[in-house]
Amino acid sequence: MNAVTLPTELWADVDEGTEALVEEWRVKEQDTVTAGQVLGSVVLVKSSHEITAPVAGTVQRICVQVEETFARGTTLIELS
């Protein structure tokens, strides 16, 4: 299982305890994706960031839904 998270470097200058918001998902559970494919976007401190698939696989679970917030290190999507 591959956990998709918001890259650590995007959190570098962000205060501890700050959360990001899932703006949209472009995939759904059981979709097949390719490495580098855009899965969706999130907002962190007023900046939008695309979430891409680190590897090819199948979306097993979307862990954080649209309009939900999440903390540093949270798994957003699980790929197999």
Protein backbone atom coordinates (compact mmCIF):
# COMPACT_ATOMS: atom_id res chain seq x y z
CA MET A 1 0.00 0.00 0.00
CA ASN A 2 1.33 3.46 -0.93
CA ALA A 3 0.20 6.39 1.19
CA VAL A 4 -0.24 9.68 -0.65
CA THR A 5 0.45 12.73 1.54
CA LEU A 6 1.09 16.42 1.03
CA PRO A 7 4.88 16.62 0.50
CA THR A 8 6.86 17.50 3.63
CA GLU A 9 8.64 20.42 1.95
CA LEU A 10 5.31 22.25 1.52
CA TRP A 11 4.92 22.30 5.30
CA ALA A 12 8.44 23.74 5.86
CA ASP A 13 7.47 27.31 6.82
CA VAL A 14 4.02 26.48 8.18
CA ASP A 15 3.24 26.85 11.89
CA GLU A 16 2.73 23.62 13.84
CA GLY A 17 -0.99 22.93 14.23
CA THR A 18 -1.94 24.53 10.91
CA GLU A 19 -4.20 22.36 8.76
CA ALA A 20 -4.71 22.16 4.99
CA LEU A 21 -8.03 21.77 3.16
CA VAL A 22 -8.91 19.30 0.39
CA GLU A 23 -10.21 21.42 -2.48
CA GLU A 24 -11.09 18.64 -4.94
CA TRP A 25 -10.40 15.05 -5.96
CA ARG A 26 -10.15 14.19 -9.65
CA VAL A 27 -10.26 10.46 -8.94
CA LYS A 28 -12.55 8.11 -7.07
CA GLU A 29 -11.99 4.84 -5.25
CA GLN A 30 -11.08 1.94 -7.57
CA ASP A 31 -9.78 4.28 -10.32
CA THR A 32 -6.50 3.22 -11.94
CA VAL A 33 -3.87 5.98 -11.97
CA THR A 34 -0.43 6.49 -13.49
CA ALA A 35 2.67 7.79 -11.73
CA GLY A 36 2.62 11.59 -11.78
CA GLN A 37 -1.12 11.81 -12.49
CA VAL A 38 -2.88 14.67 -10.72
CA LEU A 39 -5.22 13.19 -8.12
CA GLY A 40 -6.63 16.43 -6.77
CA SER A 41 -5.75 19.69 -5.08
CA VAL A 42 -5.45 21.07 -1.58
CA VAL A 43 -5.09 24.52 -0.06
CA LEU A 44 -2.36 25.21 2.50
CA VAL A 45 -2.03 28.74 3.88
CA LYS A 46 -3.94 30.35 0.97
CA SER A 47 -1.88 28.47 -1.66
CA SER A 48 -3.30 25.73 -3.86
CA HIS A 49 -1.18 22.61 -4.47
CA GLU A 50 -1.79 19.64 -6.77
CA ILE A 51 -1.53 16.16 -5.29
CA THR A 52 0.05 13.67 -7.69
CA ALA A 53 0.34 9.90 -7.63
CA PRO A 54 3.85 8.83 -6.57
CA VAL A 55 3.41 5.49 -8.37
CA ALA A 56 0.98 3.81 -10.74
CA GLY A 57 -1.78 1.84 -9.08
CA THR A 58 -5.40 1.70 -7.99
CA VAL A 59 -7.06 4.13 -5.59
CA GLN A 60 -8.00 1.90 -2.67
CA ARG A 61 -9.27 4.56 -0.31
CA ILE A 62 -9.76 8.31 -0.16
CA CYS A 63 -8.94 9.09 3.45
CA VAL A 64 -9.79 12.82 3.55
CA GLN A 65 -12.90 14.02 1.76
CA VAL A 66 -13.45 17.28 -0.16
CA GLU A 67 -13.88 20.29 2.17
CA GLU A 68 -12.26 18.40 5.08
CA THR A 69 -9.08 19.62 6.72
CA PHE A 70 -6.00 17.59 7.58
CA ALA A 71 -2.76 17.92 9.51
CA ARG A 72 0.88 17.49 8.48
CA GLY A 73 1.67 13.85 7.65
CA THR A 74 -1.94 12.75 7.13
CA THR A 75 -2.54 10.06 4.49
CA LEU A 76 -4.86 11.55 1.87
CA ILE A 77 -5.22 8.58 -0.48
CA GLU A 78 -4.10 4.96 -0.33
CA LEU A 79 -2.90 3.36 -3.58
CA SER A 80 -2.17 -0.30 -4.25
